[in-house]
Amino acid sequence: MRTLLVLALLSLASPAAAARFTLSSADVKPGKPLTDQSVYNGFGCSGANISPQLSWKDPPAGTKSFVVTVYDPDAPTGSGWWHWVVYDIPATVAELPQGAGSGKAALPEGAVQGRTDFGAPGFGGACPPPGDKPHRYVFTVFALKVEKLGLASDASPAMVGFMTRANALGSATFTATYARKK
């Protein structure tokens, strides 16, 4: 009986029993289409272009900062499309409020919005070509082992991605979709 108790306690302390790093949103449902709230206002699209609320929990031990990205791998560019890049988010933060990437709510102190493929910092909503198949929008939070990425404010999304992956302890992600009508 004592051996079973010890084994049970050890299994609770194992990495497999550790909490899982997760990302969620009150505004975006994984696997479901984005609403007009998260659609771009331009390029022929007429959405509200409001960044969704995002929250995460149970990051890996040793996390010193976070990076949040929104990426469309289906964009007809050959390299996808970066819709939102926020880095140097302090480790004490576990949420970005709705509108934080759209100037309608504050970003956490110290966080930096990187340039997106729209050419400027801030959230740029979904806007696939008309009649194209539904595009996937991959929302990801990365937990990093460094407090700051040490990048210039005009760093490309690819450079932010490179430095993020070089310093990542783990990530949590979900995907939503969106198709534009003809």
N, C-alpha and C. Protein backbone atom coordinates (compact mmCIF):
# COMPACT_ATOMS: atom_id res chain seq x y z
N MET A 1 0.82 -1.19 0.00
CA MET A 1 0.00 0.00 0.00
C MET A 1 0.86 1.26 0.00
N ARG A 2 1.90 1.25 0.82
CA ARG A 2 2.81 2.40 0.90
C ARG A 2 3.48 2.64 -0.45
N THR A 3 3.89 1.57 -1.14
CA THR A 3 4.52 1.69 -2.45
C THR A 3 3.57 2.33 -3.46
N LEU A 4 2.30 1.95 -3.42
CA LEU A 4 1.32 2.54 -4.31
C LEU A 4 1.15 4.03 -4.04
N LEU A 5 1.16 4.43 -2.79
CA LEU A 5 1.05 5.84 -2.44
C LEU A 5 2.24 6.62 -2.97
N VAL A 6 3.44 6.11 -2.79
CA VAL A 6 4.65 6.77 -3.29
C VAL A 6 4.59 6.89 -4.81
N LEU A 7 4.20 5.82 -5.50
CA LEU A 7 4.10 5.87 -6.95
C LEU A 7 3.05 6.88 -7.40
N ALA A 8 1.96 6.95 -6.72
CA ALA A 8 0.91 7.92 -7.05
C ALA A 8 1.43 9.35 -6.89
N LEU A 9 2.14 9.61 -5.81
CA LEU A 9 2.69 10.95 -5.58
C LEU A 9 3.74 11.30 -6.63
N LEU A 10 4.58 10.34 -6.99
CA LEU A 10 5.58 10.58 -8.02
C LEU A 10 4.94 10.87 -9.37
N SER A 11 3.86 10.20 -9.68
CA SER A 11 3.19 10.44 -10.97
C SER A 11 2.61 11.84 -11.03
N LEU A 12 2.19 12.38 -9.91
CA LEU A 12 1.68 13.75 -9.88
C LEU A 12 2.77 14.76 -10.13
N ALA A 13 4.00 14.44 -9.77
CA ALA A 13 5.12 15.35 -9.95
C ALA A 13 5.78 15.21 -11.30
N SER A 14 5.38 14.25 -12.10
CA SER A 14 6.02 14.02 -13.39
C SER A 14 5.63 15.09 -14.40
N PRO A 15 6.47 15.34 -15.42
CA PRO A 15 6.13 16.32 -16.44
C PRO A 15 4.82 16.01 -17.14
N ALA A 16 4.50 14.74 -17.30
CA ALA A 16 3.25 14.38 -17.98
C ALA A 16 2.04 14.87 -17.19
N ALA A 17 2.20 14.96 -15.87
CA ALA A 17 1.08 15.41 -15.04
C ALA A 17 1.07 16.93 -14.88
N ALA A 18 2.12 17.60 -15.38
CA ALA A 18 2.18 19.06 -15.26
C ALA A 18 1.06 19.69 -16.08
N ALA A 19 0.67 20.91 -15.68
CA ALA A 19 -0.38 21.63 -16.38
C ALA A 19 0.08 21.91 -17.81
N ARG A 20 -0.87 21.98 -18.72
CA ARG A 20 -0.56 22.22 -20.12
C ARG A 20 -0.75 23.69 -20.45
N PHE A 21 0.22 24.29 -21.12
CA PHE A 21 0.19 25.67 -21.59
C PHE A 21 -0.95 25.79 -22.61
N THR A 22 -1.89 26.70 -22.37
CA THR A 22 -3.05 26.84 -23.25
C THR A 22 -3.31 28.29 -23.61
N LEU A 23 -3.93 28.48 -24.76
CA LEU A 23 -4.34 29.79 -25.26
C LEU A 23 -5.83 29.72 -25.54
N SER A 24 -6.56 30.78 -25.15
CA SER A 24 -8.00 30.83 -25.41
C SER A 24 -8.41 32.26 -25.72
N SER A 25 -9.66 32.41 -26.16
CA SER A 25 -10.19 33.73 -26.49
C SER A 25 -11.69 33.76 -26.22
N ALA A 26 -12.13 34.90 -25.70
CA ALA A 26 -13.56 35.11 -25.52
C ALA A 26 -14.21 35.49 -26.84
N ASP A 27 -13.39 35.90 -27.83
CA ASP A 27 -13.91 36.43 -29.09
C ASP A 27 -13.76 35.50 -30.29
N VAL A 28 -12.80 34.59 -30.24
CA VAL A 28 -12.52 33.69 -31.35
C VAL A 28 -12.65 32.26 -30.87
N LYS A 29 -13.39 31.48 -31.60
CA LYS A 29 -13.60 30.07 -31.25
C LYS A 29 -12.73 29.19 -32.14
N PRO A 30 -11.87 28.36 -31.55
CA PRO A 30 -11.01 27.47 -32.35
C PRO A 30 -11.82 26.64 -33.34
N GLY A 31 -11.31 26.59 -34.58
CA GLY A 31 -11.95 25.80 -35.63
C GLY A 31 -13.17 26.44 -36.25
N LYS A 32 -13.58 27.58 -35.75
CA LYS A 32 -14.78 28.26 -36.25
C LYS A 32 -14.38 29.50 -37.06
N PRO A 33 -15.31 30.00 -37.90
CA PRO A 33 -15.01 31.22 -38.67
C PRO A 33 -14.91 32.45 -37.77
N LEU A 34 -14.01 33.36 -38.16
CA LEU A 34 -13.90 34.64 -37.48
C LEU A 34 -15.16 35.46 -37.75
N THR A 35 -15.50 36.32 -36.83
CA THR A 35 -16.63 37.23 -37.03
C THR A 35 -16.13 38.50 -37.70
N ASP A 36 -17.07 39.34 -38.15
CA ASP A 36 -16.70 40.61 -38.78
C ASP A 36 -15.86 41.50 -37.86
N GLN A 37 -15.94 41.26 -36.58
CA GLN A 37 -15.15 42.02 -35.61
C GLN A 37 -13.65 41.87 -35.90
N SER A 38 -13.21 40.68 -36.34
CA SER A 38 -11.79 40.39 -36.58
C SER A 38 -11.42 40.45 -38.06
N VAL A 39 -12.26 41.07 -38.88
CA VAL A 39 -12.00 41.20 -40.31
C VAL A 39 -11.43 42.60 -40.58
N TYR A 40 -10.48 42.66 -41.49
CA TYR A 40 -9.80 43.90 -41.86
C TYR A 40 -10.79 44.89 -42.46
N ASN A 41 -10.48 46.18 -42.35
CA ASN A 41 -11.27 47.23 -42.98
C ASN A 41 -10.39 47.89 -44.04
N GLY A 42 -10.40 47.32 -45.24
CA GLY A 42 -9.56 47.77 -46.35
C GLY A 42 -9.36 46.62 -47.30
N PHE A 43 -8.67 46.86 -48.43
CA PHE A 43 -8.42 45.83 -49.44
C PHE A 43 -9.73 45.20 -49.89
N GLY A 44 -10.83 45.93 -49.84
CA GLY A 44 -12.13 45.39 -50.24
C GLY A 44 -12.90 44.71 -49.13
N CYS A 45 -12.31 44.60 -47.94
CA CYS A 45 -12.99 44.02 -46.78
C CYS A 45 -13.57 45.15 -45.94
N SER A 46 -14.64 44.87 -45.22
CA SER A 46 -15.28 45.93 -44.43
C SER A 46 -15.61 45.46 -43.02
N GLY A 47 -14.62 44.92 -42.34
CA GLY A 47 -14.82 44.48 -40.96
C GLY A 47 -14.47 45.58 -39.96
N ALA A 48 -14.59 45.27 -38.70
CA ALA A 48 -14.29 46.23 -37.63
C ALA A 48 -12.79 46.32 -37.35
N ASN A 49 -12.00 45.31 -37.76
CA ASN A 49 -10.55 45.28 -37.57
C ASN A 49 -10.16 45.47 -36.10
N ILE A 50 -10.82 44.76 -35.23
CA ILE A 50 -10.55 44.82 -33.78
C ILE A 50 -9.83 43.55 -33.37
N SER A 51 -8.68 43.71 -32.72
CA SER A 51 -7.95 42.53 -32.24
C SER A 51 -8.76 41.82 -31.17
N PRO A 52 -8.78 40.50 -31.20
CA PRO A 52 -9.57 39.76 -30.22
C PRO A 52 -8.89 39.69 -28.86
N GLN A 53 -9.69 39.42 -27.85
CA GLN A 53 -9.18 39.13 -26.51
C GLN A 53 -8.48 37.79 -26.59
N LEU A 54 -7.31 37.70 -25.98
CA LEU A 54 -6.56 36.45 -25.89
C LEU A 54 -6.07 36.27 -24.47
N SER A 55 -6.14 35.06 -23.95
CA SER A 55 -5.60 34.78 -22.62
C SER A 55 -4.92 33.43 -22.64
N TRP A 56 -3.93 33.28 -21.76
CA TRP A 56 -3.18 32.03 -21.68
C TRP A 56 -2.95 31.67 -20.23
N LYS A 57 -2.69 30.37 -20.03
CA LYS A 57 -2.42 29.92 -18.66
C LYS A 57 -1.44 28.75 -18.69
N ASP A 58 -0.84 28.53 -17.55
CA ASP A 58 0.12 27.44 -17.32
C ASP A 58 1.32 27.45 -18.26
N PRO A 59 2.02 28.61 -18.36
CA PRO A 59 3.22 28.63 -19.20
C PRO A 59 4.33 27.77 -18.58
N PRO A 60 5.32 27.40 -19.37
CA PRO A 60 6.42 26.59 -18.85
C PRO A 60 7.19 27.30 -17.75
N ALA A 61 7.77 26.53 -16.86
CA ALA A 61 8.64 27.09 -15.81
C ALA A 61 9.78 27.84 -16.47
N GLY A 62 10.17 28.95 -15.87
CA GLY A 62 11.28 29.75 -16.39
C GLY A 62 10.88 30.78 -17.42
N THR A 63 9.58 30.92 -17.69
CA THR A 63 9.12 31.91 -18.67
C THR A 63 9.44 33.31 -18.19
N LYS A 64 10.08 34.10 -19.07
CA LYS A 64 10.45 35.48 -18.73
C LYS A 64 9.70 36.51 -19.58
N SER A 65 9.08 36.08 -20.67
CA SER A 65 8.26 36.98 -21.49
C SER A 65 7.44 36.15 -22.46
N PHE A 66 6.54 36.84 -23.18
CA PHE A 66 5.68 36.18 -24.15
C PHE A 66 5.71 36.93 -25.48
N VAL A 67 5.39 36.20 -26.54
CA VAL A 67 5.17 36.76 -27.88
C VAL A 67 3.82 36.22 -28.34
N VAL A 68 3.01 37.08 -28.94
CA VAL A 68 1.73 36.67 -29.52
C VAL A 68 1.78 36.96 -31.01
N THR A 69 1.36 35.98 -31.81
CA THR A 69 1.30 36.18 -33.26
C THR A 69 -0.02 35.67 -33.81
N VAL A 70 -0.42 36.27 -34.93
CA VAL A 70 -1.54 35.78 -35.72
C VAL A 70 -1.02 35.69 -37.16
N TYR A 71 -1.13 34.49 -37.74
CA TYR A 71 -0.52 34.20 -39.02
C TYR A 71 -1.48 33.43 -39.91
N ASP A 72 -1.52 33.82 -41.20
CA ASP A 72 -2.33 33.13 -42.21
C ASP A 72 -1.39 32.37 -43.15
N PRO A 73 -1.28 31.04 -43.00
CA PRO A 73 -0.39 30.28 -43.88
C PRO A 73 -0.97 30.10 -45.29
N ASP A 74 -2.23 30.47 -45.51
CA ASP A 74 -2.89 30.24 -46.79
C ASP A 74 -2.86 31.46 -47.72
N ALA A 75 -2.29 32.57 -47.27
CA ALA A 75 -2.23 33.76 -48.10
C ALA A 75 -1.45 33.45 -49.38
N PRO A 76 -1.90 33.99 -50.51
CA PRO A 76 -1.26 33.67 -51.79
C PRO A 76 0.03 34.47 -52.02
N THR A 77 0.95 34.36 -51.08
CA THR A 77 2.20 35.12 -51.17
C THR A 77 3.42 34.22 -51.34
N GLY A 78 3.25 32.94 -51.06
CA GLY A 78 4.39 32.03 -51.04
C GLY A 78 5.01 31.93 -49.66
N SER A 79 4.69 32.88 -48.78
CA SER A 79 5.25 32.86 -47.42
C SER A 79 4.21 33.16 -46.35
N GLY A 80 2.93 33.13 -46.69
CA GLY A 80 1.89 33.41 -45.70
C GLY A 80 1.76 34.91 -45.45
N TRP A 81 1.02 35.25 -44.38
CA TRP A 81 0.75 36.67 -44.06
C TRP A 81 0.69 36.83 -42.55
N TRP A 82 1.50 37.75 -42.03
CA TRP A 82 1.51 38.06 -40.60
C TRP A 82 0.47 39.14 -40.32
N HIS A 83 -0.52 38.81 -39.49
CA HIS A 83 -1.61 39.73 -39.17
C HIS A 83 -1.39 40.48 -37.86
N TRP A 84 -0.59 39.92 -36.96
CA TRP A 84 -0.35 40.59 -35.68
C TRP A 84 0.89 39.98 -35.05
N VAL A 85 1.75 40.84 -34.53
CA VAL A 85 2.97 40.42 -33.85
C VAL A 85 3.16 41.32 -32.64
N VAL A 86 3.11 40.74 -31.45
CA VAL A 86 3.33 41.50 -30.20
C VAL A 86 4.41 40.76 -29.42
N TYR A 87 5.48 41.46 -29.05
CA TYR A 87 6.57 40.80 -28.34
C TYR A 87 6.98 41.61 -27.11
N ASP A 88 7.89 41.04 -26.33
CA ASP A 88 8.34 41.63 -25.07
C ASP A 88 7.18 41.83 -24.09
N ILE A 89 6.21 40.93 -24.13
CA ILE A 89 5.09 40.95 -23.17
C ILE A 89 5.64 40.39 -21.86
N PRO A 90 5.55 41.14 -20.76
CA PRO A 90 6.10 40.67 -19.48
C PRO A 90 5.51 39.34 -19.03
N ALA A 91 6.32 38.57 -18.33
CA ALA A 91 5.91 37.24 -17.85
C ALA A 91 4.75 37.31 -16.86
N THR A 92 4.50 38.46 -16.27
CA THR A 92 3.41 38.63 -15.31
C THR A 92 2.06 38.80 -16.00
N VAL A 93 2.06 38.95 -17.31
CA VAL A 93 0.84 39.18 -18.08
C VAL A 93 0.29 37.84 -18.58
N ALA A 94 -1.03 37.68 -18.54
CA ALA A 94 -1.66 36.45 -19.03
C ALA A 94 -2.83 36.73 -19.96
N GLU A 95 -2.92 37.98 -20.45
CA GLU A 95 -4.05 38.33 -21.31
C GLU A 95 -3.76 39.59 -22.10
N LEU A 96 -4.26 39.62 -23.32
CA LEU A 96 -4.34 40.86 -24.10
C LEU A 96 -5.83 41.14 -24.26
N PRO A 97 -6.28 42.33 -23.82
CA PRO A 97 -7.71 42.62 -23.93
C PRO A 97 -8.14 42.87 -25.37
N GLN A 98 -9.42 42.69 -25.63
CA GLN A 98 -9.96 42.99 -26.95
C GLN A 98 -9.60 44.43 -27.31
N GLY A 99 -9.12 44.63 -28.52
CA GLY A 99 -8.77 45.96 -28.99
C GLY A 99 -7.35 46.41 -28.68
N ALA A 100 -6.57 45.60 -27.98
CA ALA A 100 -5.20 46.00 -27.62
C ALA A 100 -4.33 46.22 -28.86
N GLY A 101 -4.59 45.49 -29.92
CA GLY A 101 -3.82 45.66 -31.15
C GLY A 101 -4.42 46.67 -32.09
N SER A 102 -5.55 47.26 -31.70
CA SER A 102 -6.28 48.19 -32.56
C SER A 102 -6.37 49.58 -31.95
N GLY A 103 -5.65 49.81 -30.85
CA GLY A 103 -5.68 51.12 -30.21
C GLY A 103 -6.93 51.38 -29.39
N LYS A 104 -7.74 50.35 -29.16
CA LYS A 104 -8.98 50.52 -28.40
C LYS A 104 -8.84 50.07 -26.95
N ALA A 105 -7.70 49.47 -26.63
CA ALA A 105 -7.37 49.06 -25.27
C ALA A 105 -5.84 49.10 -25.16
N ALA A 106 -5.35 49.18 -23.96
CA ALA A 106 -3.91 49.31 -23.76
C ALA A 106 -3.20 47.96 -23.86
N LEU A 107 -2.03 48.02 -24.44
CA LEU A 107 -1.13 46.87 -24.39
C LEU A 107 -0.45 46.88 -23.03
N PRO A 108 0.05 45.74 -22.57
CA PRO A 108 0.79 45.74 -21.31
C PRO A 108 2.03 46.62 -21.42
N GLU A 109 2.41 47.24 -20.32
CA GLU A 109 3.60 48.09 -20.31
C GLU A 109 4.81 47.29 -20.74
N GLY A 110 5.57 47.83 -21.67
CA GLY A 110 6.78 47.18 -22.17
C GLY A 110 6.57 46.35 -23.42
N ALA A 111 5.32 45.99 -23.73
CA ALA A 111 5.04 45.18 -24.92
C ALA A 111 5.23 46.03 -26.17
N VAL A 112 5.70 45.40 -27.23
CA VAL A 112 5.95 46.06 -28.50
C VAL A 112 5.14 45.38 -29.59
N GLN A 113 4.41 46.18 -30.37
CA GLN A 113 3.72 45.63 -31.55
C GLN A 113 4.66 45.74 -32.72
N GLY A 114 4.97 44.61 -33.31
CA GLY A 114 5.85 44.59 -34.47
C GLY A 114 5.09 44.90 -35.74
N ARG A 115 5.87 45.17 -36.76
CA ARG A 115 5.33 45.43 -38.08
C ARG A 115 4.66 44.15 -38.59
N THR A 116 3.56 44.30 -39.28
CA THR A 116 2.87 43.16 -39.89
C THR A 116 3.05 43.23 -41.40
N ASP A 117 2.47 42.29 -42.12
CA ASP A 117 2.56 42.33 -43.57
C ASP A 117 1.65 43.39 -44.19
N PHE A 118 0.86 44.07 -43.37
CA PHE A 118 0.13 45.24 -43.86
C PHE A 118 1.05 46.45 -43.93
N GLY A 119 2.27 46.34 -43.34
CA GLY A 119 3.27 47.39 -43.45
C GLY A 119 3.42 48.26 -42.22
N ALA A 120 2.63 48.03 -41.20
CA ALA A 120 2.69 48.86 -39.99
C ALA A 120 2.43 47.99 -38.77
N PRO A 121 2.80 48.49 -37.59
CA PRO A 121 2.47 47.76 -36.36
C PRO A 121 0.97 47.76 -36.10
N GLY A 122 0.52 46.80 -35.31
CA GLY A 122 -0.88 46.73 -34.92
C GLY A 122 -1.57 45.56 -35.60
N PHE A 123 -2.76 45.28 -35.12
CA PHE A 123 -3.56 44.18 -35.64
C PHE A 123 -4.12 44.51 -37.01
N GLY A 124 -4.03 43.56 -37.92
CA GLY A 124 -4.67 43.64 -39.23
C GLY A 124 -5.53 42.40 -39.39
N GLY A 125 -6.81 42.58 -39.49
CA GLY A 125 -7.73 41.46 -39.53
C GLY A 125 -7.69 40.64 -40.81
N ALA A 126 -8.50 39.61 -40.82
CA ALA A 126 -8.59 38.70 -41.96
C ALA A 126 -9.12 39.42 -43.19
N CYS A 127 -8.54 39.09 -44.35
CA CYS A 127 -9.03 39.65 -45.61
C CYS A 127 -8.48 38.84 -46.78
N PRO A 128 -8.89 37.58 -46.89
CA PRO A 128 -8.40 36.76 -48.00
C PRO A 128 -9.00 37.24 -49.32
N PRO A 129 -8.41 36.83 -50.44
CA PRO A 129 -8.98 37.21 -51.74
C PRO A 129 -10.42 36.71 -51.88
N PRO A 130 -11.26 37.49 -52.57
CA PRO A 130 -12.65 37.05 -52.75
C PRO A 130 -12.72 35.73 -53.49
N GLY A 131 -13.59 34.84 -53.01
CA GLY A 131 -13.80 33.55 -53.64
C GLY A 131 -12.74 32.51 -53.32
N ASP A 132 -11.70 32.88 -52.59
CA ASP A 132 -10.66 31.93 -52.21
C ASP A 132 -11.22 30.96 -51.18
N LYS A 133 -10.60 29.80 -51.06
CA LYS A 133 -11.00 28.84 -50.03
C LYS A 133 -10.85 29.50 -48.65
N PRO A 134 -11.50 28.97 -47.62
CA PRO A 134 -11.32 29.54 -46.29
C PRO A 134 -9.84 29.50 -45.88
N HIS A 135 -9.36 30.62 -45.38
CA HIS A 135 -7.99 30.70 -44.89
C HIS A 135 -7.96 30.34 -43.41
N ARG A 136 -6.82 29.83 -42.98
CA ARG A 136 -6.60 29.51 -41.56
C ARG A 136 -5.87 30.67 -40.90
N TYR A 137 -6.31 31.05 -39.73
CA TYR A 137 -5.68 32.11 -38.94
C TYR A 137 -5.17 31.46 -37.66
N VAL A 138 -3.85 31.37 -37.56
CA VAL A 138 -3.20 30.66 -36.47
C VAL A 138 -2.82 31.67 -35.39
N PHE A 139 -3.47 31.56 -34.25
CA PHE A 139 -3.21 32.40 -33.08
C PHE A 139 -2.25 31.63 -32.18
N THR A 140 -1.10 32.24 -31.83
CA THR A 140 -0.10 31.54 -31.03
C THR A 140 0.47 32.46 -29.97
N VAL A 141 0.67 31.92 -28.77
CA VAL A 141 1.45 32.60 -27.74
C VAL A 141 2.68 31.73 -27.48
N PHE A 142 3.83 32.37 -27.48
CA PHE A 142 5.10 31.71 -27.18
C PHE A 142 5.58 32.15 -25.82
N ALA A 143 6.06 31.23 -25.01
CA ALA A 143 6.71 31.53 -23.74
C ALA A 143 8.21 31.54 -24.01
N LEU A 144 8.89 32.61 -23.59
CA LEU A 144 10.31 32.77 -23.88
C LEU A 144 11.18 32.71 -22.64
N LYS A 145 12.44 32.34 -22.84
CA LYS A 145 13.41 32.27 -21.76
C LYS A 145 14.15 33.59 -21.57
N VAL A 146 13.80 34.63 -22.32
CA VAL A 146 14.42 35.96 -22.21
C VAL A 146 13.34 37.00 -21.92
N GLU A 147 13.71 38.08 -21.24
CA GLU A 147 12.75 39.15 -20.95
C GLU A 147 12.45 40.00 -22.18
N LYS A 148 13.44 40.20 -23.03
CA LYS A 148 13.30 41.05 -24.22
C LYS A 148 13.96 40.37 -25.40
N LEU A 149 13.39 40.56 -26.58
CA LEU A 149 14.01 40.01 -27.78
C LEU A 149 15.15 40.88 -28.28
N GLY A 150 15.20 42.15 -27.87
CA GLY A 150 16.30 43.03 -28.27
C GLY A 150 16.23 43.43 -29.74
N LEU A 151 15.03 43.60 -30.25
CA LEU A 151 14.85 43.94 -31.66
C LEU A 151 14.49 45.41 -31.85
N ALA A 152 14.85 45.94 -33.01
CA ALA A 152 14.43 47.30 -33.38
C ALA A 152 12.92 47.29 -33.56
N SER A 153 12.29 48.43 -33.33
CA SER A 153 10.83 48.50 -33.40
C SER A 153 10.30 48.24 -34.81
N ASP A 154 11.15 48.37 -35.82
CA ASP A 154 10.70 48.12 -37.19
C ASP A 154 11.15 46.75 -37.72
N ALA A 155 11.49 45.85 -36.80
CA ALA A 155 11.91 44.49 -37.20
C ALA A 155 10.80 43.81 -38.00
N SER A 156 11.19 43.03 -38.99
CA SER A 156 10.21 42.32 -39.80
C SER A 156 9.57 41.20 -38.99
N PRO A 157 8.37 40.77 -39.38
CA PRO A 157 7.75 39.64 -38.69
C PRO A 157 8.63 38.38 -38.76
N ALA A 158 9.34 38.21 -39.86
CA ALA A 158 10.22 37.04 -39.98
C ALA A 158 11.35 37.09 -38.95
N MET A 159 11.91 38.28 -38.71
CA MET A 159 12.97 38.40 -37.70
C MET A 159 12.41 38.16 -36.30
N VAL A 160 11.23 38.69 -36.02
CA VAL A 160 10.60 38.43 -34.72
C VAL A 160 10.37 36.92 -34.57
N GLY A 161 9.89 36.27 -35.62
CA GLY A 161 9.66 34.84 -35.58
C GLY A 161 10.94 34.06 -35.35
N PHE A 162 12.02 34.46 -36.00
CA PHE A 162 13.30 33.79 -35.84
C PHE A 162 13.79 33.89 -34.40
N MET A 163 13.78 35.10 -33.85
CA MET A 163 14.25 35.32 -32.48
C MET A 163 13.32 34.65 -31.46
N THR A 164 12.04 34.63 -31.76
CA THR A 164 11.07 33.96 -30.89
C THR A 164 11.37 32.48 -30.81
N ARG A 165 11.50 31.84 -31.93
CA ARG A 165 11.75 30.40 -31.93
C ARG A 165 13.11 30.05 -31.32
N ALA A 166 14.08 30.93 -31.46
CA ALA A 166 15.41 30.69 -30.88
C ALA A 166 15.37 30.75 -29.35
N ASN A 167 14.35 31.42 -28.80
CA ASN A 167 14.26 31.61 -27.35
C ASN A 167 13.02 30.98 -26.71
N ALA A 168 12.29 30.17 -27.46
CA ALA A 168 11.02 29.62 -26.98
C ALA A 168 11.21 28.46 -26.01
N LEU A 169 10.43 28.51 -24.94
CA LEU A 169 10.33 27.40 -24.00
C LEU A 169 9.13 26.51 -24.33
N GLY A 170 8.16 27.10 -25.01
CA GLY A 170 6.95 26.39 -25.37
C GLY A 170 5.98 27.33 -26.06
N SER A 171 4.89 26.77 -26.58
CA SER A 171 3.88 27.59 -27.23
C SER A 171 2.51 26.95 -27.06
N ALA A 172 1.50 27.79 -27.22
CA ALA A 172 0.11 27.34 -27.21
C ALA A 172 -0.57 28.00 -28.40
N THR A 173 -1.46 27.28 -29.05
CA THR A 173 -2.02 27.79 -30.30
C THR A 173 -3.44 27.29 -30.52
N PHE A 174 -4.17 28.02 -31.33
CA PHE A 174 -5.44 27.54 -31.90
C PHE A 174 -5.61 28.20 -33.26
N THR A 175 -6.47 27.62 -34.06
CA THR A 175 -6.69 28.11 -35.43
C THR A 175 -8.17 28.39 -35.64
N ALA A 176 -8.44 29.53 -36.29
CA ALA A 176 -9.79 29.89 -36.72
C ALA A 176 -9.74 30.03 -38.24
N THR A 177 -10.88 30.20 -38.87
CA THR A 177 -10.93 30.31 -40.32
C THR A 177 -11.70 31.55 -40.75
N TYR A 178 -11.54 31.90 -42.03
CA TYR A 178 -12.35 32.97 -42.60
C TYR A 178 -12.30 32.87 -44.12
N ALA A 179 -13.45 33.00 -44.77
CA ALA A 179 -13.54 33.06 -46.23
C ALA A 179 -14.33 34.29 -46.60
N ARG A 180 -13.84 35.00 -47.56
CA ARG A 180 -14.52 36.20 -48.05
C ARG A 180 -15.45 35.81 -49.19
N LYS A 181 -16.61 36.37 -49.17
CA LYS A 181 -17.57 36.08 -50.24
C LYS A 181 -17.11 36.80 -51.51
N LYS A 182 -17.57 36.31 -52.64
CA LYS A 182 -17.20 36.91 -53.92
C LYS A 182 -17.72 38.30 -54.06
